[in-house]
Amino acid sequence: GRRQAGEPLASFTPALPPGWRVIWRGFRGEPWLRWSEAGDAPASNGTLTLCPPGAHDAALRQLVIAKSGRVRLVQPARVGNASLQAARALCGWT
């Protein structure tokens, strides 16, 4: 649950470009994401989907948040068809 030396930090600064959207889907269905002081996210595991404007599969990204607090970047277009189709549906591209 703790960040290791040399582990990169994710930042959303500056703001997303115009037309991009962020969609959160959590395990418990809560509309928020929460980390504890220890760095874990015990009740907030889920996925942040970054939807670019237009149906642009190569730009589609997901940040998968584990209960341990770890964040993993996923590019659905590179993972497989099922992952890509699910992400496209979240972005409203189906």
C-alpha atoms as a PDB file:
ATOM      1  CA  GLY A   1       0.000   0.000   0.000  1.00  0.00           C
ATOM      2  CA  ARG A   2       2.944   2.405   0.234  1.00  0.00           C
ATOM      3  CA  ARG A   3       4.649   4.056  -2.713  1.00  0.00           C
ATOM      4  CA  GLN A   4       8.071   2.641  -3.398  1.00  0.00           C
ATOM      5  CA  ALA A   5      11.144   4.736  -4.138  1.00  0.00           C
ATOM      6  CA  GLY A   6      11.184   5.659  -7.810  1.00  0.00           C
ATOM      7  CA  GLU A   7       7.521   4.748  -8.355  1.00  0.00           C
ATOM      8  CA  PRO A   8       5.931   7.409 -10.599  1.00  0.00           C
ATOM      9  CA  LEU A   9       3.077   9.592  -9.390  1.00  0.00           C
ATOM     10  CA  ALA A  10       0.024  10.244 -11.578  1.00  0.00           C
ATOM     11  CA  SER A  11      -1.148  13.814 -11.925  1.00  0.00           C
ATOM     12  CA  PHE A  12      -4.089  15.425 -13.699  1.00  0.00           C
ATOM     13  CA  THR A  13      -2.472  18.821 -14.010  1.00  0.00           C
ATOM     14  CA  PRO A  14      -3.169  20.631 -16.230  1.00  0.00           C
ATOM     15  CA  ALA A  15      -6.866  19.959 -16.646  1.00  0.00           C
ATOM     16  CA  LEU A  16      -8.123  17.578 -19.312  1.00  0.00           C
ATOM     17  CA  PRO A  17      -8.366  19.080 -22.795  1.00  0.00           C
ATOM     18  CA  PRO A  18     -11.793  20.289 -23.959  1.00  0.00           C
ATOM     19  CA  GLY A  19     -14.140  17.480 -24.946  1.00  0.00           C
ATOM     20  CA  TRP A  20     -12.484  14.809 -22.778  1.00  0.00           C
ATOM     21  CA  ARG A  21     -14.527  13.105 -20.047  1.00  0.00           C
ATOM     22  CA  VAL A  22     -13.640  11.070 -16.969  1.00  0.00           C
ATOM     23  CA  ILE A  23     -16.011   8.297 -15.890  1.00  0.00           C
ATOM     24  CA  TRP A  24     -15.642   6.526 -12.532  1.00  0.00           C
ATOM     25  CA  ARG A  25     -16.991   3.015 -12.010  1.00  0.00           C
ATOM     26  CA  GLY A  26     -16.280   1.661  -8.544  1.00  0.00           C
ATOM     27  CA  PHE A  27     -16.766  -1.773  -7.058  1.00  0.00           C
ATOM     28  CA  ARG A  28     -19.320  -0.516  -4.533  1.00  0.00           C
ATOM     29  CA  GLY A  29     -21.080   1.853  -6.931  1.00  0.00           C
ATOM     30  CA  GLU A  30     -20.092   4.948  -4.942  1.00  0.00           C
ATOM     31  CA  PRO A  31     -19.655   8.185  -6.935  1.00  0.00           C
ATOM     32  CA  TRP A  32     -16.290   8.951  -5.319  1.00  0.00           C
ATOM     33  CA  LEU A  33     -12.775   7.617  -4.933  1.00  0.00           C
ATOM     34  CA  ARG A  34     -11.101   7.593  -1.532  1.00  0.00           C
ATOM     35  CA  TRP A  35      -7.604   6.771  -0.303  1.00  0.00           C
ATOM     36  CA  SER A  36      -6.794   6.239   3.366  1.00  0.00           C
ATOM     37  CA  GLU A  37      -3.890   7.868   5.175  1.00  0.00           C
ATOM     38  CA  ALA A  38      -2.006   4.580   4.738  1.00  0.00           C
ATOM     39  CA  GLY A  39      -2.264   4.925   0.949  1.00  0.00           C
ATOM     40  CA  ASP A  40      -4.767   2.148   0.319  1.00  0.00           C
ATOM     41  CA  ALA A  41      -8.228   2.440  -1.235  1.00  0.00           C
ATOM     42  CA  PRO A  42     -10.124  -0.289   0.634  1.00  0.00           C
ATOM     43  CA  ALA A  43     -13.614   0.817  -0.378  1.00  0.00           C
ATOM     44  CA  SER A  44     -12.799   2.546  -3.651  1.00  0.00           C
ATOM     45  CA  ASN A  45     -11.392  -0.046  -6.013  1.00  0.00           C
ATOM     46  CA  GLY A  46     -12.614   0.501  -9.561  1.00  0.00           C
ATOM     47  CA  THR A  47     -11.762   2.119 -12.878  1.00  0.00           C
ATOM     48  CA  LEU A  48     -11.428   5.698 -14.104  1.00  0.00           C
ATOM     49  CA  THR A  49     -12.064   5.760 -17.849  1.00  0.00           C
ATOM     50  CA  LEU A  50     -10.645   8.718 -19.775  1.00  0.00           C
ATOM     51  CA  CYS A  51     -12.812   9.296 -22.842  1.00  0.00           C
ATOM     52  CA  PRO A  52     -11.361  11.439 -25.620  1.00  0.00           C
ATOM     53  CA  PRO A  53     -13.701  13.429 -27.845  1.00  0.00           C
ATOM     54  CA  GLY A  54     -14.966  11.260 -30.680  1.00  0.00           C
ATOM     55  CA  ALA A  55     -14.501   7.528 -31.025  1.00  0.00           C
ATOM     56  CA  HIS A  56     -10.703   7.472 -30.976  1.00  0.00           C
ATOM     57  CA  ASP A  57      -9.679   4.021 -29.677  1.00  0.00           C
ATOM     58  CA  ALA A  58      -5.931   4.709 -29.641  1.00  0.00           C
ATOM     59  CA  ALA A  59      -6.397   7.623 -27.196  1.00  0.00           C
ATOM     60  CA  LEU A  60      -8.751   5.750 -24.839  1.00  0.00           C
ATOM     61  CA  ARG A  61      -7.189   5.142 -21.395  1.00  0.00           C
ATOM     62  CA  GLN A  62      -8.266   3.574 -18.130  1.00  0.00           C
ATOM     63  CA  LEU A  63      -6.768   3.901 -14.669  1.00  0.00           C
ATOM     64  CA  VAL A  64      -7.508   0.759 -12.667  1.00  0.00           C
ATOM     65  CA  ILE A  65      -7.464   1.423  -8.910  1.00  0.00           C
ATOM     66  CA  ALA A  66      -6.749  -1.583  -6.674  1.00  0.00           C
ATOM     67  CA  LYS A  67      -7.840  -1.878  -3.038  1.00  0.00           C
ATOM     68  CA  SER A  68      -4.157  -1.656  -2.135  1.00  0.00           C
ATOM     69  CA  GLY A  69      -4.115   1.870  -3.601  1.00  0.00           C
ATOM     70  CA  ARG A  70      -2.041   0.946  -6.645  1.00  0.00           C
ATOM     71  CA  VAL A  71      -2.982   2.551  -9.943  1.00  0.00           C
ATOM     72  CA  ARG A  72      -2.442   0.721 -13.232  1.00  0.00           C
ATOM     73  CA  LEU A  73      -2.715   2.371 -16.649  1.00  0.00           C
ATOM     74  CA  VAL A  74      -4.609   0.312 -19.243  1.00  0.00           C
ATOM     75  CA  GLN A  75      -4.938   1.020 -22.948  1.00  0.00           C
ATOM     76  CA  PRO A  76      -8.069  -0.958 -23.912  1.00  0.00           C
ATOM     77  CA  ALA A  77      -7.149  -0.962 -27.621  1.00  0.00           C
ATOM     78  CA  ARG A  78      -4.029  -2.982 -26.740  1.00  0.00           C
ATOM     79  CA  VAL A  79      -5.586  -5.340 -24.179  1.00  0.00           C
ATOM     80  CA  GLY A  80      -8.254  -7.087 -26.190  1.00  0.00           C
ATOM     81  CA  ASN A  81     -11.594  -6.765 -27.869  1.00  0.00           C
ATOM     82  CA  ALA A  82     -13.760  -7.332 -24.759  1.00  0.00           C
ATOM     83  CA  SER A  83     -11.928  -4.632 -22.800  1.00  0.00           C
ATOM     84  CA  LEU A  84     -12.108  -2.241 -25.739  1.00  0.00           C
ATOM     85  CA  GLN A  85     -15.830  -2.833 -26.277  1.00  0.00           C
ATOM     86  CA  ALA A  86     -16.584  -2.273 -22.571  1.00  0.00           C
ATOM     87  CA  ALA A  87     -14.578   0.971 -22.517  1.00  0.00           C
ATOM     88  CA  ARG A  88     -16.217   2.165 -25.738  1.00  0.00           C
ATOM     89  CA  ALA A  89     -19.645   1.519 -24.204  1.00  0.00           C
ATOM     90  CA  LEU A  90     -18.723   3.553 -21.098  1.00  0.00           C
ATOM     91  CA  CYS A  91     -17.714   6.448 -23.332  1.00  0.00           C
ATOM     92  CA  GLY A  92     -20.991   6.169 -25.220  1.00  0.00           C
ATOM     93  CA  TRP A  93     -19.410   5.140 -28.520  1.00  0.00           C
ATOM     94  CA  THR A  94     -21.504   2.046 -29.219  1.00  0.00           C
END
